[in-house]
Amino acid sequence: MSKRVLIVDDAIFMRMKLKDILEKNGFEVVAEAQNGAEAVEKYKAERPDLVTMDITMPEMDGVTALRLIKQFDSNAKVIMCSAMGQQAMVMDAIQSGAIDFIVKPFESDRVLQSLNKAIR
């Protein structure tokens, strides 16, 4: 059975790139969100196995969304996505319960390594 993933990123190009990598490797993208508030709603509706969460987004950032998702479901598996130079926010995210982070631009191998580690 394929693992169900929610992709969260304010850039449609990034969502498309991730979706492409995931679907080619047997993951099912059940929903996409473009900000943290939408991410929390879609998580509650879809209950995905895994979330890829951008850190910097309008309306609600990824770390805040991560905390809300973890309050709702303490077993949520969230992988943060960040641009270079966001180390402080990445540390914040890890302390808030993120299981890993991947750096943009996405490299297929790194993305898959992270997701496969997360669903074990």
PDB file of N, CA and C in Angstrom:
ATOM      1  N   MET A   1       0.838  -1.199   0.000  1.00  0.00           N
ATOM      2  CA  MET A   1       0.000   0.000   0.000  1.00  0.00           C
ATOM      3  C   MET A   1       0.873   1.250   0.000  1.00  0.00           C
ATOM      4  N   SER A   2       0.536   2.193  -0.862  1.00  0.00           N
ATOM      5  CA  SER A   2       1.392   3.375  -0.949  1.00  0.00           C
ATOM      6  C   SER A   2       1.139   4.314   0.231  1.00  0.00           C
ATOM      7  N   LYS A   3       2.184   5.015   0.599  1.00  0.00           N
ATOM      8  CA  LYS A   3       2.098   5.952   1.713  1.00  0.00           C
ATOM      9  C   LYS A   3       1.479   7.258   1.237  1.00  0.00           C
ATOM     10  N   ARG A   4       0.578   7.802   2.051  1.00  0.00           N
ATOM     11  CA  ARG A   4      -0.168   9.010   1.702  1.00  0.00           C
ATOM     12  C   ARG A   4       0.550  10.245   2.239  1.00  0.00           C
ATOM     13  N   VAL A   5       0.795  11.209   1.345  1.00  0.00           N
ATOM     14  CA  VAL A   5       1.583  12.382   1.703  1.00  0.00           C
ATOM     15  C   VAL A   5       0.822  13.684   1.450  1.00  0.00           C
ATOM     16  N   LEU A   6       0.995  14.630   2.369  1.00  0.00           N
ATOM     17  CA  LEU A   6       0.483  15.995   2.211  1.00  0.00           C
ATOM     18  C   LEU A   6       1.703  16.870   1.936  1.00  0.00           C
ATOM     19  N   ILE A   7       1.673  17.604   0.818  1.00  0.00           N
ATOM     20  CA  ILE A   7       2.781  18.501   0.464  1.00  0.00           C
ATOM     21  C   ILE A   7       2.367  19.939   0.780  1.00  0.00           C
ATOM     22  N   VAL A   8       3.198  20.618   1.570  1.00  0.00           N
ATOM     23  CA  VAL A   8       2.891  21.997   1.947  1.00  0.00           C
ATOM     24  C   VAL A   8       4.026  22.920   1.511  1.00  0.00           C
ATOM     25  N   ASP A   9       3.705  23.830   0.597  1.00  0.00           N
ATOM     26  CA  ASP A   9       4.687  24.815   0.134  1.00  0.00           C
ATOM     27  C   ASP A   9       3.924  25.938  -0.543  1.00  0.00           C
ATOM     28  N   ASP A  10       4.347  27.183  -0.316  1.00  0.00           N
ATOM     29  CA  ASP A  10       3.635  28.294  -0.952  1.00  0.00           C
ATOM     30  C   ASP A  10       3.984  28.426  -2.434  1.00  0.00           C
ATOM     31  N   ALA A  11       5.063  27.792  -2.877  1.00  0.00           N
ATOM     32  CA  ALA A  11       5.444  27.864  -4.290  1.00  0.00           C
ATOM     33  C   ALA A  11       4.917  26.653  -5.045  1.00  0.00           C
ATOM     34  N   ILE A  12       4.055  26.912  -6.023  1.00  0.00           N
ATOM     35  CA  ILE A  12       3.451  25.811  -6.774  1.00  0.00           C
ATOM     36  C   ILE A  12       4.534  24.985  -7.479  1.00  0.00           C
ATOM     37  N   PHE A  13       5.594  25.642  -7.938  1.00  0.00           N
ATOM     38  CA  PHE A  13       6.678  24.930  -8.611  1.00  0.00           C
ATOM     39  C   PHE A  13       7.310  23.894  -7.681  1.00  0.00           C
ATOM     40  N   MET A  14       7.516  24.278  -6.421  1.00  0.00           N
ATOM     41  CA  MET A  14       8.104  23.351  -5.450  1.00  0.00           C
ATOM     42  C   MET A  14       7.164  22.183  -5.166  1.00  0.00           C
ATOM     43  N   ARG A  15       5.874  22.474  -5.058  1.00  0.00           N
ATOM     44  CA  ARG A  15       4.902  21.385  -4.834  1.00  0.00           C
ATOM     45  C   ARG A  15       4.913  20.417  -6.012  1.00  0.00           C
ATOM     46  N   MET A  16       4.960  20.961  -7.236  1.00  0.00           N
ATOM     47  CA  MET A  16       4.970  20.104  -8.421  1.00  0.00           C
ATOM     48  C   MET A  16       6.223  19.241  -8.464  1.00  0.00           C
ATOM     49  N   LYS A  17       7.352  19.836  -8.134  1.00  0.00           N
ATOM     50  CA  LYS A  17       8.623  19.106  -8.152  1.00  0.00           C
ATOM     51  C   LYS A  17       8.593  17.951  -7.144  1.00  0.00           C
ATOM     52  N   LEU A  18       8.138  18.247  -5.926  1.00  0.00           N
ATOM     53  CA  LEU A  18       8.057  17.209  -4.892  1.00  0.00           C
ATOM     54  C   LEU A  18       7.063  16.121  -5.280  1.00  0.00           C
ATOM     55  N   LYS A  19       5.909  16.546  -5.774  1.00  0.00           N
ATOM     56  CA  LYS A  19       4.868  15.595  -6.164  1.00  0.00           C
ATOM     57  C   LYS A  19       5.404  14.635  -7.224  1.00  0.00           C
ATOM     58  N   ASP A  20       6.147  15.189  -8.169  1.00  0.00           N
ATOM     59  CA  ASP A  20       6.740  14.387  -9.234  1.00  0.00           C
ATOM     60  C   ASP A  20       7.692  13.332  -8.659  1.00  0.00           C
ATOM     61  N   ILE A  21       8.585  13.769  -7.771  1.00  0.00           N
ATOM     62  CA  ILE A  21       9.541  12.840  -7.148  1.00  0.00           C
ATOM     63  C   ILE A  21       8.785  11.740  -6.389  1.00  0.00           C
ATOM     64  N   LEU A  22       7.775  12.139  -5.606  1.00  0.00           N
ATOM     65  CA  LEU A  22       7.052  11.178  -4.768  1.00  0.00           C
ATOM     66  C   LEU A  22       6.247  10.183  -5.591  1.00  0.00           C
ATOM     67  N   GLU A  23       5.491  10.686  -6.557  1.00  0.00           N
ATOM     68  CA  GLU A  23       4.621   9.788  -7.322  1.00  0.00           C
ATOM     69  C   GLU A  23       5.418   8.809  -8.173  1.00  0.00           C
ATOM     70  N   LYS A  24       6.586   9.228  -8.644  1.00  0.00           N
ATOM     71  CA  LYS A  24       7.436   8.317  -9.423  1.00  0.00           C
ATOM     72  C   LYS A  24       8.008   7.211  -8.552  1.00  0.00           C
ATOM     73  N   ASN A  25       7.942   7.410  -7.237  1.00  0.00           N
ATOM     74  CA  ASN A  25       8.539   6.438  -6.316  1.00  0.00           C
ATOM     75  C   ASN A  25       7.516   5.779  -5.395  1.00  0.00           C
ATOM     76  N   GLY A  26       6.278   5.722  -5.848  1.00  0.00           N
ATOM     77  CA  GLY A  26       5.277   4.938  -5.153  1.00  0.00           C
ATOM     78  C   GLY A  26       4.538   5.602  -4.005  1.00  0.00           C
ATOM     79  N   PHE A  27       4.731   6.903  -3.828  1.00  0.00           N
ATOM     80  CA  PHE A  27       3.971   7.604  -2.784  1.00  0.00           C
ATOM     81  C   PHE A  27       2.704   8.172  -3.412  1.00  0.00           C
ATOM     82  N   GLU A  28       1.678   8.348  -2.601  1.00  0.00           N
ATOM     83  CA  GLU A  28       0.431   8.928  -3.087  1.00  0.00           C
ATOM     84  C   GLU A  28       0.272  10.312  -2.453  1.00  0.00           C
ATOM     85  N   VAL A  29       0.218  11.351  -3.304  1.00  0.00           N
ATOM     86  CA  VAL A  29       0.024  12.704  -2.782  1.00  0.00           C
ATOM     87  C   VAL A  29      -1.478  12.924  -2.636  1.00  0.00           C
ATOM     88  N   VAL A  30      -1.955  12.947  -1.379  1.00  0.00           N
ATOM     89  CA  VAL A  30      -3.399  13.038  -1.138  1.00  0.00           C
ATOM     90  C   VAL A  30      -3.895  14.476  -1.074  1.00  0.00           C
ATOM     91  N   ALA A  31      -2.986  15.419  -0.807  1.00  0.00           N
ATOM     92  CA  ALA A  31      -3.409  16.817  -0.749  1.00  0.00           C
ATOM     93  C   ALA A  31      -2.186  17.719  -0.826  1.00  0.00           C
ATOM     94  N   GLU A  32      -2.456  18.983  -1.193  1.00  0.00           N
ATOM     95  CA  GLU A  32      -1.417  20.001  -1.211  1.00  0.00           C
ATOM     96  C   GLU A  32      -1.968  21.220  -0.496  1.00  0.00           C
ATOM     97  N   ALA A  33      -1.081  21.968   0.149  1.00  0.00           N
ATOM     98  CA  ALA A  33      -1.496  23.193   0.824  1.00  0.00           C
ATOM     99  C   ALA A  33      -0.458  24.261   0.536  1.00  0.00           C
ATOM    100  N   GLN A  34      -0.914  25.526   0.507  1.00  0.00           N
ATOM    101  CA  GLN A  34       0.051  26.590   0.194  1.00  0.00           C
ATOM    102  C   GLN A  34       0.419  27.473   1.376  1.00  0.00           C
ATOM    103  N   ASN A  35      -0.139  27.172   2.558  1.00  0.00           N
ATOM    104  CA  ASN A  35       0.314  27.871   3.767  1.00  0.00           C
ATOM    105  C   ASN A  35       0.007  26.996   4.978  1.00  0.00           C
ATOM    106  N   GLY A  36       0.522  27.411   6.124  1.00  0.00           N
ATOM    107  CA  GLY A  36       0.390  26.603   7.324  1.00  0.00           C
ATOM    108  C   GLY A  36      -1.041  26.375   7.771  1.00  0.00           C
ATOM    109  N   ALA A  37      -1.873  27.408   7.651  1.00  0.00           N
ATOM    110  CA  ALA A  37      -3.270  27.279   8.086  1.00  0.00           C
ATOM    111  C   ALA A  37      -3.985  26.211   7.256  1.00  0.00           C
ATOM    112  N   GLU A  38      -3.755  26.248   5.953  1.00  0.00           N
ATOM    113  CA  GLU A  38      -4.343  25.265   5.045  1.00  0.00           C
ATOM    114  C   GLU A  38      -3.789  23.863   5.357  1.00  0.00           C
ATOM    115  N   ALA A  39      -2.514  23.821   5.703  1.00  0.00           N
ATOM    116  CA  ALA A  39      -1.863  22.544   6.014  1.00  0.00           C
ATOM    117  C   ALA A  39      -2.546  21.859   7.197  1.00  0.00           C
ATOM    118  N   VAL A  40      -2.847  22.633   8.234  1.00  0.00           N
ATOM    119  CA  VAL A  40      -3.480  22.071   9.436  1.00  0.00           C
ATOM    120  C   VAL A  40      -4.861  21.528   9.083  1.00  0.00           C
ATOM    121  N   GLU A  41      -5.637  22.310   8.318  1.00  0.00           N
ATOM    122  CA  GLU A  41      -6.971  21.866   7.886  1.00  0.00           C
ATOM    123  C   GLU A  41      -6.899  20.579   7.077  1.00  0.00           C
ATOM    124  N   LYS A  42      -5.993  20.565   6.098  1.00  0.00           N
ATOM    125  CA  LYS A  42      -5.896  19.392   5.219  1.00  0.00           C
ATOM    126  C   LYS A  42      -5.368  18.179   5.966  1.00  0.00           C
ATOM    127  N   TYR A  43      -4.503  18.399   6.945  1.00  0.00           N
ATOM    128  CA  TYR A  43      -4.011  17.276   7.745  1.00  0.00           C
ATOM    129  C   TYR A  43      -5.177  16.629   8.482  1.00  0.00           C
ATOM    130  N   LYS A  44      -6.006  17.464   9.096  1.00  0.00           N
ATOM    131  CA  LYS A  44      -7.148  16.941   9.857  1.00  0.00           C
ATOM    132  C   LYS A  44      -8.128  16.207   8.953  1.00  0.00           C
ATOM    133  N   ALA A  45      -8.303  16.699   7.741  1.00  0.00           N
ATOM    134  CA  ALA A  45      -9.254  16.088   6.812  1.00  0.00           C
ATOM    135  C   ALA A  45      -8.723  14.786   6.209  1.00  0.00           C
ATOM    136  N   GLU A  46      -7.448  14.778   5.854  1.00  0.00           N
ATOM    137  CA  GLU A  46      -6.883  13.648   5.110  1.00  0.00           C
ATOM    138  C   GLU A  46      -6.158  12.610   5.955  1.00  0.00           C
ATOM    139  N   ARG A  47      -5.647  13.030   7.116  1.00  0.00           N
ATOM    140  CA  ARG A  47      -4.849  12.144   7.974  1.00  0.00           C
ATOM    141  C   ARG A  47      -3.762  11.419   7.181  1.00  0.00           C
ATOM    142  N   PRO A  48      -2.868  12.170   6.512  1.00  0.00           N
ATOM    143  CA  PRO A  48      -1.818  11.513   5.715  1.00  0.00           C
ATOM    144  C   PRO A  48      -0.793  10.798   6.603  1.00  0.00           C
ATOM    145  N   ASP A  49      -0.017   9.901   5.985  1.00  0.00           N
ATOM    146  CA  ASP A  49       1.021   9.183   6.722  1.00  0.00           C
ATOM    147  C   ASP A  49       2.223  10.090   6.975  1.00  0.00           C
ATOM    148  N   LEU A  50       2.353  11.104   6.126  1.00  0.00           N
ATOM    149  CA  LEU A  50       3.548  11.924   6.127  1.00  0.00           C
ATOM    150  C   LEU A  50       3.238  13.313   5.589  1.00  0.00           C
ATOM    151  N   VAL A  51       3.967  14.318   6.092  1.00  0.00           N
ATOM    152  CA  VAL A  51       3.793  15.691   5.600  1.00  0.00           C
ATOM    153  C   VAL A  51       5.165  16.250   5.245  1.00  0.00           C
ATOM    154  N   THR A  52       5.267  16.899   4.075  1.00  0.00           N
ATOM    155  CA  THR A  52       6.468  17.692   3.788  1.00  0.00           C
ATOM    156  C   THR A  52       6.034  19.132   3.966  1.00  0.00           C
ATOM    157  N   MET A  53       6.728  19.855   4.827  1.00  0.00           N
ATOM    158  CA  MET A  53       6.281  21.194   5.241  1.00  0.00           C
ATOM    159  C   MET A  53       7.358  22.242   4.996  1.00  0.00           C
ATOM    160  N   ASP A  54       7.022  23.213   4.155  1.00  0.00           N
ATOM    161  CA  ASP A  54       7.922  24.337   3.932  1.00  0.00           C
ATOM    162  C   ASP A  54       7.987  25.144   5.225  1.00  0.00           C
ATOM    163  N   ILE A  55       9.135  25.768   5.515  1.00  0.00           N
ATOM    164  CA  ILE A  55       9.246  26.542   6.752  1.00  0.00           C
ATOM    165  C   ILE A  55       8.666  27.952   6.591  1.00  0.00           C
ATOM    166  N   THR A  56       9.062  28.636   5.509  1.00  0.00           N
ATOM    167  CA  THR A  56       8.631  30.026   5.344  1.00  0.00           C
ATOM    168  C   THR A  56       7.465  30.127   4.384  1.00  0.00           C
ATOM    169  N   MET A  57       6.307  30.530   4.905  1.00  0.00           N
ATOM    170  CA  MET A  57       5.100  30.674   4.083  1.00  0.00           C
ATOM    171  C   MET A  57       4.274  31.840   4.605  1.00  0.00           C
ATOM    172  N   PRO A  58       3.431  32.406   3.735  1.00  0.00           N
ATOM    173  CA  PRO A  58       2.544  33.476   4.201  1.00  0.00           C
ATOM    174  C   PRO A  58       1.443  32.923   5.115  1.00  0.00           C
ATOM    175  N   GLU A  59       0.778  33.784   5.808  1.00  0.00           N
ATOM    176  CA  GLU A  59      -0.342  33.456   6.705  1.00  0.00           C
ATOM    177  C   GLU A  59       0.069  32.721   7.970  1.00  0.00           C
ATOM    178  N   MET A  60       0.654  31.531   7.799  1.00  0.00           N
ATOM    179  CA  MET A  60       1.146  30.790   8.958  1.00  0.00           C
ATOM    180  C   MET A  60       2.388  30.025   8.524  1.00  0.00           C
ATOM    181  N   ASP A  61       3.494  30.196   9.255  1.00  0.00           N
ATOM    182  CA  ASP A  61       4.727  29.518   8.858  1.00  0.00           C
ATOM    183  C   ASP A  61       4.674  28.027   9.205  1.00  0.00           C
ATOM    184  N   GLY A  62       5.653  27.299   8.670  1.00  0.00           N
ATOM    185  CA  GLY A  62       5.681  25.856   8.821  1.00  0.00           C
ATOM    186  C   GLY A  62       5.870  25.365  10.247  1.00  0.00           C
ATOM    187  N   VAL A  63       6.650  26.114  11.042  1.00  0.00           N
ATOM    188  CA  VAL A  63       6.901  25.670  12.417  1.00  0.00           C
ATOM    189  C   VAL A  63       5.618  25.773  13.254  1.00  0.00           C
ATOM    190  N   THR A  64       4.875  26.853  13.070  1.00  0.00           N
ATOM    191  CA  THR A  64       3.593  27.016  13.775  1.00  0.00           C
ATOM    192  C   THR A  64       2.616  25.919  13.351  1.00  0.00           C
ATOM    193  N   ALA A  65       2.545  25.666  12.042  1.00  0.00           N
ATOM    194  CA  ALA A  65       1.657  24.611  11.529  1.00  0.00           C
ATOM    195  C   ALA A  65       2.062  23.249  12.088  1.00  0.00           C
ATOM    196  N   LEU A  66       3.363  23.000  12.139  1.00  0.00           N
ATOM    197  CA  LEU A  66       3.880  21.748  12.701  1.00  0.00           C
ATOM    198  C   LEU A  66       3.387  21.577  14.144  1.00  0.00           C
ATOM    199  N   ARG A  67       3.503  22.624  14.944  1.00  0.00           N
ATOM    200  CA  ARG A  67       3.075  22.538  16.350  1.00  0.00           C
ATOM    201  C   ARG A  67       1.579  22.230  16.456  1.00  0.00           C
ATOM    202  N   LEU A  68       0.773  22.873  15.607  1.00  0.00           N
ATOM    203  CA  LEU A  68      -0.677  22.642  15.640  1.00  0.00           C
ATOM    204  C   LEU A  68      -1.026  21.222  15.200  1.00  0.00           C
ATOM    205  N   ILE A  69      -0.322  20.734  14.183  1.00  0.00           N
ATOM    206  CA  ILE A  69      -0.558  19.365  13.722  1.00  0.00           C
ATOM    207  C   ILE A  69      -0.162  18.374  14.817  1.00  0.00           C
ATOM    208  N   LYS A  70       0.951  18.626  15.487  1.00  0.00           N
ATOM    209  CA  LYS A  70       1.407  17.746  16.573  1.00  0.00           C
ATOM    210  C   LYS A  70       0.436  17.779  17.766  1.00  0.00           C
ATOM    211  N   GLN A  71      -0.188  18.940  18.016  1.00  0.00           N
ATOM    212  CA  GLN A  71      -1.196  19.011  19.087  1.00  0.00           C
ATOM    213  C   GLN A  71      -2.392  18.144  18.733  1.00  0.00           C
ATOM    214  N   PHE A  72      -2.757  18.163  17.457  1.00  0.00           N
ATOM    215  CA  PHE A  72      -3.895  17.394  16.971  1.00  0.00           C
ATOM    216  C   PHE A  72      -3.573  15.902  16.929  1.00  0.00           C
ATOM    217  N   ASP A  73      -2.359  15.568  16.476  1.00  0.00           N
ATOM    218  CA  ASP A  73      -1.955  14.175  16.341  1.00  0.00           C
ATOM    219  C   ASP A  73      -0.484  14.067  16.728  1.00  0.00           C
ATOM    220  N   SER A  74      -0.233  13.589  17.934  1.00  0.00           N
ATOM    221  CA  SER A  74       1.145  13.543  18.430  1.00  0.00           C
ATOM    222  C   SER A  74       2.030  12.586  17.627  1.00  0.00           C
ATOM    223  N   ASN A  75       1.404  11.692  16.853  1.00  0.00           N
ATOM    224  CA  ASN A  75       2.183  10.762  16.038  1.00  0.00           C
ATOM    225  C   ASN A  75       2.432  11.249  14.617  1.00  0.00           C
ATOM    226  N   ALA A  76       2.026  12.465  14.331  1.00  0.00           N
ATOM    227  CA  ALA A  76       2.195  13.007  12.977  1.00  0.00           C
ATOM    228  C   ALA A  76       3.664  12.970  12.578  1.00  0.00           C
ATOM    229  N   LYS A  77       3.911  12.600  11.326  1.00  0.00           N
ATOM    230  CA  LYS A  77       5.282  12.557  10.813  1.00  0.00           C
ATOM    231  C   LYS A  77       5.451  13.712   9.838  1.00  0.00           C
ATOM    232  N   VAL A  78       6.252  14.687  10.249  1.00  0.00           N
ATOM    233  CA  VAL A  78       6.434  15.892   9.438  1.00  0.00           C
ATOM    234  C   VAL A  78       7.909  16.082   9.116  1.00  0.00           C
ATOM    235  N   ILE A  79       8.186  16.278   7.830  1.00  0.00           N
ATOM    236  CA  ILE A  79       9.537  16.565   7.367  1.00  0.00           C
ATOM    237  C   ILE A  79       9.543  18.017   6.896  1.00  0.00           C
ATOM    238  N   MET A  80      10.444  18.811   7.451  1.00  0.00           N
ATOM    239  CA  MET A  80      10.505  20.223   7.096  1.00  0.00           C
ATOM    240  C   MET A  80      11.352  20.419   5.839  1.00  0.00           C
ATOM    241  N   CYS A  81      10.956  21.415   5.034  1.00  0.00           N
ATOM    242  CA  CYS A  81      11.712  21.766   3.838  1.00  0.00           C
ATOM    243  C   CYS A  81      12.175  23.199   4.007  1.00  0.00           C
ATOM    244  N   SER A  82      13.456  23.429   3.809  1.00  0.00           N
ATOM    245  CA  SER A  82      13.937  24.785   4.007  1.00  0.00           C
ATOM    246  C   SER A  82      14.953  25.176   2.954  1.00  0.00           C
ATOM    247  N   ALA A  83      15.072  26.475   2.759  1.00  0.00           N
ATOM    248  CA  ALA A  83      16.127  26.993   1.902  1.00  0.00           C
ATOM    249  C   ALA A  83      17.392  27.032   2.747  1.00  0.00           C
ATOM    250  N   MET A  84      18.516  27.201   2.132  1.00  0.00           N
ATOM    251  CA  MET A  84      19.769  27.325   2.867  1.00  0.00           C
ATOM    252  C   MET A  84      19.675  28.514   3.821  1.00  0.00           C
ATOM    253  N   GLY A  85      20.406  28.438   4.926  1.00  0.00           N
ATOM    254  CA  GLY A  85      20.468  29.588   5.817  1.00  0.00           C
ATOM    255  C   GLY A  85      19.295  29.733   6.761  1.00  0.00           C
ATOM    256  N   GLN A  86      18.500  28.689   6.936  1.00  0.00           N
ATOM    257  CA  GLN A  86      17.377  28.772   7.876  1.00  0.00           C
ATOM    258  C   GLN A  86      17.615  27.853   9.072  1.00  0.00           C
ATOM    259  N   GLN A  87      18.882  27.722   9.462  1.00  0.00           N
ATOM    260  CA  GLN A  87      19.246  26.777  10.521  1.00  0.00           C
ATOM    261  C   GLN A  87      18.481  26.985  11.818  1.00  0.00           C
ATOM    262  N   ALA A  88      18.311  28.236  12.223  1.00  0.00           N
ATOM    263  CA  ALA A  88      17.623  28.505  13.492  1.00  0.00           C
ATOM    264  C   ALA A  88      16.190  27.985  13.437  1.00  0.00           C
ATOM    265  N   MET A  89      15.514  28.215  12.311  1.00  0.00           N
ATOM    266  CA  MET A  89      14.133  27.746  12.170  1.00  0.00           C
ATOM    267  C   MET A  89      14.080  26.232  12.081  1.00  0.00           C
ATOM    268  N   VAL A  90      15.086  25.651  11.442  1.00  0.00           N
ATOM    269  CA  VAL A  90      15.143  24.184  11.350  1.00  0.00           C
ATOM    270  C   VAL A  90      15.290  23.586  12.748  1.00  0.00           C
ATOM    271  N   MET A  91      16.164  24.171  13.574  1.00  0.00           N
ATOM    272  CA  MET A  91      16.336  23.678  14.948  1.00  0.00           C
ATOM    273  C   MET A  91      15.031  23.791  15.730  1.00  0.00           C
ATOM    274  N   ASP A  92      14.352  24.911  15.550  1.00  0.00           N
ATOM    275  CA  ASP A  92      13.050  25.157  16.153  1.00  0.00           C
ATOM    276  C   ASP A  92      12.067  24.057  15.751  1.00  0.00           C
ATOM    277  N   ALA A  93      12.065  23.737  14.470  1.00  0.00           N
ATOM    278  CA  ALA A  93      11.155  22.722  13.934  1.00  0.00           C
ATOM    279  C   ALA A  93      11.462  21.345  14.512  1.00  0.00           C
ATOM    280  N   ILE A  94      12.747  21.006  14.604  1.00  0.00           N
ATOM    281  CA  ILE A  94      13.135  19.701  15.149  1.00  0.00           C
ATOM    282  C   ILE A  94      12.703  19.620  16.621  1.00  0.00           C
ATOM    283  N   GLN A  95      12.912  20.703  17.368  1.00  0.00           N
ATOM    284  CA  GLN A  95      12.489  20.723  18.775  1.00  0.00           C
ATOM    285  C   GLN A  95      10.966  20.636  18.900  1.00  0.00           C
ATOM    286  N   SER A  96      10.260  21.105  17.874  1.00  0.00           N
ATOM    287  CA  SER A  96       8.799  21.068  17.901  1.00  0.00           C
ATOM    288  C   SER A  96       8.249  19.748  17.387  1.00  0.00           C
ATOM    289  N   GLY A  97       9.131  18.823  17.009  1.00  0.00           N
ATOM    290  CA  GLY A  97       8.657  17.493  16.630  1.00  0.00           C
ATOM    291  C   GLY A  97       8.849  17.072  15.193  1.00  0.00           C
ATOM    292  N   ALA A  98       9.494  17.888  14.372  1.00  0.00           N
ATOM    293  CA  ALA A  98       9.758  17.452  12.992  1.00  0.00           C
ATOM    294  C   ALA A  98      10.743  16.283  13.039  1.00  0.00           C
ATOM    295  N   ILE A  99      10.583  15.322  12.128  1.00  0.00           N
ATOM    296  CA  ILE A  99      11.462  14.165  12.191  1.00  0.00           C
ATOM    297  C   ILE A  99      12.700  14.297  11.319  1.00  0.00           C
ATOM    298  N   ASP A 100      12.676  15.249  10.395  1.00  0.00           N
ATOM    299  CA  ASP A 100      13.834  15.433   9.526  1.00  0.00           C
ATOM    300  C   ASP A 100      13.627  16.730   8.768  1.00  0.00           C
ATOM    301  N   PHE A 101      14.638  17.124   8.002  1.00  0.00           N
ATOM    302  CA  PHE A 101      14.426  18.261   7.120  1.00  0.00           C
ATOM    303  C   PHE A 101      15.221  18.057   5.845  1.00  0.00           C
ATOM    304  N   ILE A 102      14.692  18.586   4.764  1.00  0.00           N
ATOM    305  CA  ILE A 102      15.377  18.514   3.481  1.00  0.00           C
ATOM    306  C   ILE A 102      15.569  19.939   2.981  1.00  0.00           C
ATOM    307  N   VAL A 103      16.670  20.153   2.304  1.00  0.00           N
ATOM    308  CA  VAL A 103      17.014  21.495   1.850  1.00  0.00           C
ATOM    309  C   VAL A 103      16.675  21.667   0.371  1.00  0.00           C
ATOM    310  N   LYS A 104      16.140  22.834   0.044  1.00  0.00           N
ATOM    311  CA  LYS A 104      15.845  23.154  -1.354  1.00  0.00           C
ATOM    312  C   LYS A 104      17.122  23.659  -2.006  1.00  0.00           C
ATOM    313  N   PRO A 105      17.306  23.492  -3.293  1.00  0.00           N
ATOM    314  CA  PRO A 105      16.414  22.770  -4.223  1.00  0.00           C
ATOM    315  C   PRO A 105      16.447  21.265  -3.939  1.00  0.00           C
ATOM    316  N   PHE A 106      15.300  20.623  -4.134  1.00  0.00           N
ATOM    317  CA  PHE A 106      15.176  19.217  -3.780  1.00  0.00           C
ATOM    318  C   PHE A 106      16.003  18.309  -4.669  1.00  0.00           C
ATOM    319  N   GLU A 107      16.678  17.363  -4.036  1.00  0.00           N
ATOM    320  CA  GLU A 107      17.371  16.309  -4.778  1.00  0.00           C
ATOM    321  C   GLU A 107      16.599  15.028  -4.501  1.00  0.00           C
ATOM    322  N   SER A 108      16.189  14.365  -5.563  1.00  0.00           N
ATOM    323  CA  SER A 108      15.359  13.161  -5.435  1.00  0.00           C
ATOM    324  C   SER A 108      15.871  12.182  -4.389  1.00  0.00           C
ATOM    325  N   ASP A 109      17.165  11.876  -4.453  1.00  0.00           N
ATOM    326  CA  ASP A 109      17.724  10.872  -3.538  1.00  0.00           C
ATOM    327  C   ASP A 109      17.560  11.279  -2.084  1.00  0.00           C
ATOM    328  N   ARG A 110      17.830  12.541  -1.805  1.00  0.00           N
ATOM    329  CA  ARG A 110      17.736  13.039  -0.417  1.00  0.00           C
ATOM    330  C   ARG A 110      16.284  13.033   0.062  1.00  0.00           C
ATOM    331  N   VAL A 111      15.371  13.444  -0.809  1.00  0.00           N
ATOM    332  CA  VAL A 111      13.948  13.460  -0.464  1.00  0.00           C
ATOM    333  C   VAL A 111      13.481  12.047  -0.133  1.00  0.00           C
ATOM    334  N   LEU A 112      13.817  11.098  -0.990  1.00  0.00           N
ATOM    335  CA  LEU A 112      13.378   9.713  -0.790  1.00  0.00           C
ATOM    336  C   LEU A 112      14.007   9.092   0.445  1.00  0.00           C
ATOM    337  N   GLN A 113      15.280   9.408   0.680  1.00  0.00           N
ATOM    338  CA  GLN A 113      15.970   8.902   1.861  1.00  0.00           C
ATOM    339  C   GLN A 113      15.233   9.367   3.116  1.00  0.00           C
ATOM    340  N   SER A 114      14.888  10.642   3.138  1.00  0.00           N
ATOM    341  CA  SER A 114      14.206  11.225   4.282  1.00  0.00           C
ATOM    342  C   SER A 114      12.816  10.605   4.486  1.00  0.00           C
ATOM    343  N   LEU A 115      12.044  10.480   3.409  1.00  0.00           N
ATOM    344  CA  LEU A 115      10.695   9.929   3.522  1.00  0.00           C
ATOM    345  C   LEU A 115      10.711   8.459   3.930  1.00  0.00           C
ATOM    346  N   ASN A 116      11.620   7.710   3.335  1.00  0.00           N
ATOM    347  CA  ASN A 116      11.685   6.287   3.682  1.00  0.00           C
ATOM    348  C   ASN A 116      12.110   6.071   5.124  1.00  0.00           C
ATOM    349  N   LYS A 117      13.004   6.935   5.620  1.00  0.00           N
ATOM    350  CA  LYS A 117      13.422   6.850   7.006  1.00  0.00           C
ATOM    351  C   LYS A 117      12.219   7.166   7.924  1.00  0.00           C
ATOM    352  N   ALA A 118      11.421   8.122   7.510  1.00  0.00           N
ATOM    353  CA  ALA A 118      10.293   8.582   8.316  1.00  0.00           C
ATOM    354  C   ALA A 118       9.199   7.523   8.459  1.00  0.00           C
ATOM    355  N   ILE A 119       8.995   6.711   7.428  1.00  0.00           N
ATOM    356  CA  ILE A 119       7.867   5.773   7.489  1.00  0.00           C
ATOM    357  C   ILE A 119       8.241   4.394   7.988  1.00  0.00           C
ATOM    358  N   ARG A 120       9.476   4.208   8.357  1.00  0.00           N
ATOM    359  CA  ARG A 120       9.872   2.900   8.896  1.00  0.00           C
ATOM    360  C   ARG A 120       9.203   2.630  10.212  1.00  0.00           C
TER     361      ARG A 120
END
